[in-house]
Protein backbone atom coordinates (compact mmCIF):
# COMPACT_ATOMS: atom_id res chain seq x y z
CA ARG A 1 0.00 0.00 0.00
CA GLN A 2 2.86 2.38 0.81
CA GLU A 3 4.33 1.82 -2.63
CA VAL A 4 1.02 2.57 -4.34
CA VAL A 5 0.51 5.79 -2.38
CA LEU A 6 4.06 7.01 -2.93
CA GLU A 7 3.94 6.21 -6.64
CA ARG A 8 0.67 8.08 -7.00
CA MET A 9 2.01 11.09 -5.06
CA ALA A 10 5.04 11.22 -7.36
CA ALA A 11 2.88 10.85 -10.47
CA GLU A 12 0.63 13.70 -9.32
CA GLY A 13 3.62 15.93 -8.56
CA TYR A 14 3.21 16.10 -4.78
CA ILE A 15 6.69 14.64 -4.29
CA THR A 16 9.66 14.11 -6.59
CA GLN A 17 10.79 10.67 -7.71
CA ALA A 18 13.90 11.11 -5.55
CA GLU A 19 11.72 11.87 -2.50
CA ARG A 20 9.56 8.87 -3.32
CA ASP A 21 12.61 6.60 -3.50
CA SER A 22 14.02 7.98 -0.25
CA ILE A 23 10.74 7.59 1.64
CA ALA A 24 10.21 4.06 0.31
CA GLN A 25 13.52 3.01 1.89
CA GLN A 26 12.46 4.12 5.38
CA PRO A 27 10.73 1.63 7.67
CA LEU A 28 7.05 2.28 8.26
CA LYS A 29 6.09 3.63 11.66
CA TYR A 30 2.57 2.89 12.76
CA LYS A 31 0.57 2.38 15.89
CA ARG A 32 -1.64 -0.68 16.02
CA ASP A 33 -5.14 0.11 17.23
CA HIS A 34 -6.26 -2.58 19.63
CA ALA A 35 -9.59 -0.89 20.34
CA ILE A 36 -12.63 -2.99 19.71
CA ILE A 37 -15.35 -0.94 18.11
CA GLY A 38 -18.65 -1.96 16.66
CA ASP A 39 -21.14 -4.74 17.08
CA ALA A 40 -20.65 -7.58 19.57
CA PRO A 41 -17.33 -6.33 21.02
CA TYR A 42 -17.05 -9.21 23.51
CA PHE A 43 -17.47 -11.78 20.76
CA VAL A 44 -14.96 -9.96 18.55
CA ALA A 45 -12.47 -9.85 21.44
CA MET A 46 -12.85 -13.58 22.04
CA ILE A 47 -12.31 -14.40 18.36
CA ARG A 48 -9.35 -12.01 18.15
CA GLU A 49 -7.66 -13.61 21.18
CA TYR A 50 -8.21 -17.09 19.76
CA LEU A 51 -6.75 -16.13 16.37
CA ILE A 52 -3.71 -14.47 17.95
CA LYS A 53 -3.00 -17.62 19.97
CA GLN A 54 -3.40 -19.81 16.88
CA TYR A 55 -1.65 -17.69 14.23
CA GLY A 56 0.23 -14.85 15.97
CA GLU A 57 -0.31 -11.09 15.92
CA ASN A 58 1.37 -10.46 12.57
CA MET A 59 -0.93 -12.83 10.74
CA VAL A 60 -4.04 -11.57 12.54
CA PHE A 61 -3.35 -7.86 12.09
CA GLN A 62 -1.43 -7.83 8.81
CA GLY A 63 -2.14 -11.14 7.10
CA GLY A 64 -5.30 -10.11 5.28
CA LEU A 65 -7.33 -12.86 6.91
CA LYS A 66 -11.05 -13.20 6.28
CA VAL A 67 -12.79 -14.58 9.34
CA TYR A 68 -16.22 -16.17 9.23
CA THR A 69 -18.07 -16.94 12.47
CA THR A 70 -21.37 -18.37 13.62
CA LEU A 71 -22.45 -15.13 15.30
CA ASP A 72 -26.10 -14.24 14.73
CA LEU A 73 -25.92 -10.48 15.26
CA THR A 74 -29.70 -10.11 15.59
CA MET A 75 -29.79 -12.69 18.39
CA GLN A 76 -26.69 -11.18 20.02
CA GLN A 77 -28.26 -7.73 20.09
CA ALA A 78 -31.52 -9.13 21.47
CA ALA A 79 -29.61 -10.91 24.24
CA GLU A 80 -27.70 -7.74 25.11
CA ARG A 81 -30.95 -5.73 25.24
CA ALA A 82 -32.57 -8.34 27.47
CA LEU A 83 -29.58 -8.32 29.80
CA ALA A 84 -29.56 -4.53 29.97
CA GLN A 85 -33.29 -4.40 30.75
CA GLY A 86 -32.93 -6.99 33.49
CA MET A 87 -30.22 -5.09 35.32
């Protein structure tokens, strides 16, 4: 992805080819976001932990995995609503 962005920036004139080449040689610096956002965060956290144990963080966060689960989001949301109303 970095290569694509840098190549496009050079092609559009935002950076020179020399700048592009120099930047491409530098290691990427990024901060991994471990926040769980969205639907069924507890379920997502459980799946994420399982996958990390099985395949390691690099594969889970950078491996381009597609994960399919048995979660029925409608039922999950109904259960969460019922729990919230009962408390």
